[in-house]
Amino acid sequence: MDIGKLLGIVRSIPKDKLKTDAGLKEVIRELGKKSGKSFTEQELNSYVSQFRKMSKTENVGSLMNKLAQKGVNPNDLNAIKKRFKK
């Protein structure tokens, strides 16, 4: 996993798109295209729902713990943490 590339993609997403369901769906579709996937409307609705739930209940620390549990390299996690502190 190239953390720099991933963070670059995240930074390129306009924050105003994350405020509406239509904007979130557009972002998810674009990210899917970049990874060679396409989503049904039902899948998009599910991802939007998950994003809304996570935005209310998660913070940087809890997300980092989840990434660690999923097997993300500790060096990559440290790089992400440093970038969040900037």
N, C-alpha and C. Protein backbone atom coordinates (compact mmCIF):
# COMPACT_ATOMS: atom_id res chain seq x y z
N MET A 1 0.84 -1.17 0.00
CA MET A 1 0.00 0.00 0.00
C MET A 1 0.89 1.23 0.00
N ASP A 2 0.68 2.12 -0.95
CA ASP A 2 1.44 3.36 -1.02
C ASP A 2 0.67 4.44 -0.27
N ILE A 3 1.11 4.73 0.96
CA ILE A 3 0.40 5.69 1.81
C ILE A 3 0.40 7.08 1.19
N GLY A 4 1.49 7.47 0.57
CA GLY A 4 1.56 8.79 -0.07
C GLY A 4 0.51 8.94 -1.15
N LYS A 5 0.37 7.91 -1.96
CA LYS A 5 -0.64 7.94 -3.03
C LYS A 5 -2.05 7.97 -2.45
N LEU A 6 -2.28 7.16 -1.43
CA LEU A 6 -3.58 7.12 -0.78
C LEU A 6 -3.93 8.47 -0.17
N LEU A 7 -2.99 9.07 0.54
CA LEU A 7 -3.25 10.38 1.14
C LEU A 7 -3.45 11.45 0.08
N GLY A 8 -2.75 11.33 -1.04
CA GLY A 8 -2.94 12.27 -2.14
C GLY A 8 -4.36 12.20 -2.69
N ILE A 9 -4.88 10.99 -2.81
CA ILE A 9 -6.25 10.82 -3.28
C ILE A 9 -7.22 11.44 -2.29
N VAL A 10 -7.00 11.18 -1.00
CA VAL A 10 -7.88 11.72 0.04
C VAL A 10 -7.85 13.25 0.02
N ARG A 11 -6.66 13.81 -0.11
CA ARG A 11 -6.54 15.28 -0.13
C ARG A 11 -7.22 15.90 -1.35
N SER A 12 -7.31 15.16 -2.43
CA SER A 12 -7.90 15.70 -3.66
C SER A 12 -9.42 15.78 -3.61
N ILE A 13 -10.03 15.17 -2.60
CA ILE A 13 -11.49 15.18 -2.50
C ILE A 13 -11.94 16.50 -1.88
N PRO A 14 -12.73 17.28 -2.60
CA PRO A 14 -13.23 18.54 -2.03
C PRO A 14 -14.13 18.25 -0.82
N LYS A 15 -13.90 18.97 0.28
CA LYS A 15 -14.65 18.72 1.50
C LYS A 15 -16.14 18.95 1.33
N ASP A 16 -16.53 19.85 0.42
CA ASP A 16 -17.95 20.12 0.24
C ASP A 16 -18.69 18.90 -0.32
N LYS A 17 -17.97 18.01 -1.02
CA LYS A 17 -18.60 16.79 -1.55
C LYS A 17 -18.95 15.82 -0.44
N LEU A 18 -18.29 15.94 0.70
CA LEU A 18 -18.54 15.03 1.81
C LEU A 18 -19.74 15.44 2.65
N LYS A 19 -20.34 16.56 2.32
CA LYS A 19 -21.45 17.08 3.11
C LYS A 19 -22.81 16.58 2.66
N THR A 20 -22.89 16.10 1.42
CA THR A 20 -24.18 15.64 0.91
C THR A 20 -24.07 14.18 0.47
N ASP A 21 -25.20 13.49 0.49
CA ASP A 21 -25.19 12.10 0.04
C ASP A 21 -24.83 12.01 -1.44
N ALA A 22 -25.32 12.94 -2.24
CA ALA A 22 -25.00 12.92 -3.68
C ALA A 22 -23.50 13.12 -3.90
N GLY A 23 -22.90 14.02 -3.13
CA GLY A 23 -21.47 14.24 -3.24
C GLY A 23 -20.67 13.02 -2.82
N LEU A 24 -21.10 12.37 -1.73
CA LEU A 24 -20.43 11.15 -1.28
C LEU A 24 -20.51 10.06 -2.33
N LYS A 25 -21.67 9.90 -2.92
CA LYS A 25 -21.83 8.88 -3.96
C LYS A 25 -20.90 9.15 -5.13
N GLU A 26 -20.77 10.43 -5.49
CA GLU A 26 -19.88 10.79 -6.60
C GLU A 26 -18.43 10.44 -6.26
N VAL A 27 -18.02 10.75 -5.04
CA VAL A 27 -16.65 10.45 -4.60
C VAL A 27 -16.42 8.94 -4.62
N ILE A 28 -17.38 8.17 -4.10
CA ILE A 28 -17.24 6.71 -4.05
C ILE A 28 -17.17 6.14 -5.47
N ARG A 29 -18.01 6.66 -6.37
CA ARG A 29 -17.97 6.18 -7.76
C ARG A 29 -16.60 6.45 -8.38
N GLU A 30 -16.06 7.67 -8.16
CA GLU A 30 -14.76 8.03 -8.72
C GLU A 30 -13.66 7.15 -8.16
N LEU A 31 -13.69 6.90 -6.86
CA LEU A 31 -12.68 6.03 -6.26
C LEU A 31 -12.81 4.60 -6.78
N GLY A 32 -14.04 4.16 -6.98
CA GLY A 32 -14.27 2.84 -7.55
C GLY A 32 -13.70 2.72 -8.94
N LYS A 33 -13.89 3.75 -9.75
CA LYS A 33 -13.35 3.74 -11.12
C LYS A 33 -11.83 3.62 -11.09
N LYS A 34 -11.19 4.35 -10.15
CA LYS A 34 -9.73 4.30 -10.06
C LYS A 34 -9.23 2.92 -9.67
N SER A 35 -10.07 2.16 -8.97
CA SER A 35 -9.65 0.82 -8.57
C SER A 35 -10.28 -0.27 -9.45
N GLY A 36 -10.98 0.14 -10.51
CA GLY A 36 -11.54 -0.82 -11.45
C GLY A 36 -12.85 -1.44 -11.01
N LYS A 37 -13.56 -0.78 -10.11
CA LYS A 37 -14.82 -1.32 -9.61
C LYS A 37 -15.97 -0.38 -9.95
N SER A 38 -17.15 -0.96 -10.05
CA SER A 38 -18.35 -0.14 -10.20
C SER A 38 -19.34 -0.61 -9.14
N PHE A 39 -20.18 0.30 -8.69
CA PHE A 39 -21.09 0.01 -7.59
C PHE A 39 -22.53 0.20 -8.02
N THR A 40 -23.40 -0.64 -7.46
CA THR A 40 -24.83 -0.48 -7.68
C THR A 40 -25.32 0.65 -6.78
N GLU A 41 -26.52 1.11 -7.03
CA GLU A 41 -27.10 2.17 -6.20
C GLU A 41 -27.25 1.69 -4.76
N GLN A 42 -27.59 0.43 -4.59
CA GLN A 42 -27.73 -0.13 -3.25
C GLN A 42 -26.38 -0.13 -2.51
N GLU A 43 -25.32 -0.50 -3.21
CA GLU A 43 -23.98 -0.48 -2.61
C GLU A 43 -23.58 0.94 -2.24
N LEU A 44 -23.85 1.88 -3.14
CA LEU A 44 -23.53 3.28 -2.84
C LEU A 44 -24.26 3.76 -1.60
N ASN A 45 -25.55 3.44 -1.52
CA ASN A 45 -26.33 3.85 -0.35
C ASN A 45 -25.76 3.25 0.93
N SER A 46 -25.32 2.00 0.85
CA SER A 46 -24.72 1.33 2.01
C SER A 46 -23.43 2.03 2.43
N TYR A 47 -22.57 2.36 1.46
CA TYR A 47 -21.31 3.04 1.78
C TYR A 47 -21.55 4.43 2.34
N VAL A 48 -22.52 5.14 1.80
CA VAL A 48 -22.85 6.47 2.32
C VAL A 48 -23.32 6.35 3.77
N SER A 49 -24.16 5.37 4.04
CA SER A 49 -24.65 5.14 5.39
C SER A 49 -23.50 4.83 6.35
N GLN A 50 -22.58 3.97 5.91
CA GLN A 50 -21.42 3.63 6.73
C GLN A 50 -20.56 4.86 7.00
N PHE A 51 -20.36 5.68 5.98
CA PHE A 51 -19.56 6.90 6.13
C PHE A 51 -20.20 7.83 7.15
N ARG A 52 -21.51 8.03 7.04
CA ARG A 52 -22.22 8.91 7.98
C ARG A 52 -22.09 8.39 9.42
N LYS A 53 -22.25 7.09 9.59
CA LYS A 53 -22.15 6.50 10.92
C LYS A 53 -20.74 6.68 11.48
N MET A 54 -19.73 6.39 10.65
CA MET A 54 -18.35 6.52 11.10
C MET A 54 -17.98 7.97 11.40
N SER A 55 -18.51 8.90 10.63
CA SER A 55 -18.17 10.30 10.86
C SER A 55 -18.70 10.79 12.20
N LYS A 56 -19.73 10.12 12.72
CA LYS A 56 -20.29 10.50 14.02
C LYS A 56 -19.63 9.78 15.18
N THR A 57 -19.10 8.59 14.94
CA THR A 57 -18.63 7.76 16.05
C THR A 57 -17.12 7.55 16.09
N GLU A 58 -16.42 7.82 15.01
CA GLU A 58 -14.99 7.53 14.96
C GLU A 58 -14.15 8.79 15.11
N ASN A 59 -12.90 8.59 15.55
CA ASN A 59 -11.92 9.66 15.56
C ASN A 59 -10.62 9.09 14.99
N VAL A 60 -9.61 9.92 14.88
CA VAL A 60 -8.36 9.49 14.26
C VAL A 60 -7.77 8.28 15.00
N GLY A 61 -7.80 8.31 16.32
CA GLY A 61 -7.22 7.21 17.09
C GLY A 61 -7.93 5.89 16.86
N SER A 62 -9.25 5.93 16.86
CA SER A 62 -9.99 4.67 16.67
C SER A 62 -9.82 4.15 15.24
N LEU A 63 -9.71 5.04 14.28
CA LEU A 63 -9.48 4.60 12.90
C LEU A 63 -8.09 3.99 12.75
N MET A 64 -7.11 4.56 13.44
CA MET A 64 -5.76 4.01 13.38
C MET A 64 -5.74 2.60 13.99
N ASN A 65 -6.48 2.41 15.09
CA ASN A 65 -6.56 1.08 15.70
C ASN A 65 -7.18 0.08 14.74
N LYS A 66 -8.22 0.50 14.04
CA LYS A 66 -8.87 -0.42 13.09
C LYS A 66 -7.93 -0.76 11.94
N LEU A 67 -7.16 0.21 11.47
CA LEU A 67 -6.19 -0.07 10.41
C LEU A 67 -5.13 -1.05 10.90
N ALA A 68 -4.68 -0.88 12.12
CA ALA A 68 -3.68 -1.79 12.69
C ALA A 68 -4.25 -3.21 12.77
N GLN A 69 -5.51 -3.33 13.17
CA GLN A 69 -6.13 -4.65 13.26
C GLN A 69 -6.28 -5.30 11.89
N LYS A 70 -6.42 -4.48 10.85
CA LYS A 70 -6.57 -5.01 9.50
C LYS A 70 -5.23 -5.39 8.89
N GLY A 71 -4.13 -5.14 9.63
CA GLY A 71 -2.82 -5.57 9.16
C GLY A 71 -2.01 -4.51 8.44
N VAL A 72 -2.38 -3.24 8.59
CA VAL A 72 -1.59 -2.18 7.97
C VAL A 72 -0.24 -2.11 8.67
N ASN A 73 0.80 -1.96 7.89
CA ASN A 73 2.17 -1.90 8.38
C ASN A 73 2.33 -0.79 9.42
N PRO A 74 2.96 -1.07 10.57
CA PRO A 74 3.16 -0.03 11.60
C PRO A 74 3.91 1.20 11.09
N ASN A 75 4.85 1.01 10.16
CA ASN A 75 5.56 2.16 9.61
C ASN A 75 4.62 3.05 8.81
N ASP A 76 3.69 2.43 8.08
CA ASP A 76 2.69 3.19 7.34
C ASP A 76 1.77 3.95 8.29
N LEU A 77 1.39 3.31 9.39
CA LEU A 77 0.56 3.97 10.38
C LEU A 77 1.27 5.18 10.98
N ASN A 78 2.56 5.04 11.27
CA ASN A 78 3.32 6.17 11.81
C ASN A 78 3.40 7.31 10.80
N ALA A 79 3.53 6.98 9.52
CA ALA A 79 3.55 8.01 8.48
C ALA A 79 2.22 8.74 8.42
N ILE A 80 1.13 8.01 8.56
CA ILE A 80 -0.19 8.64 8.55
C ILE A 80 -0.34 9.56 9.76
N LYS A 81 0.07 9.07 10.94
CA LYS A 81 -0.04 9.87 12.16
C LYS A 81 0.73 11.18 12.03
N LYS A 82 1.93 11.10 11.47
CA LYS A 82 2.74 12.31 11.29
C LYS A 82 2.04 13.31 10.38
N ARG A 83 1.39 12.83 9.33
CA ARG A 83 0.70 13.72 8.42
C ARG A 83 -0.54 14.33 9.04
N PHE A 84 -1.19 13.63 9.96
CA PHE A 84 -2.35 14.19 10.64
C PHE A 84 -1.92 15.31 11.58
N LYS A 85 -0.72 15.21 12.14
CA LYS A 85 -0.24 16.19 13.09
C LYS A 85 0.14 17.51 12.43
N LYS A 86 0.40 17.48 11.12
CA LYS A 86 0.82 18.69 10.39
C LYS A 86 -0.29 19.68 10.27
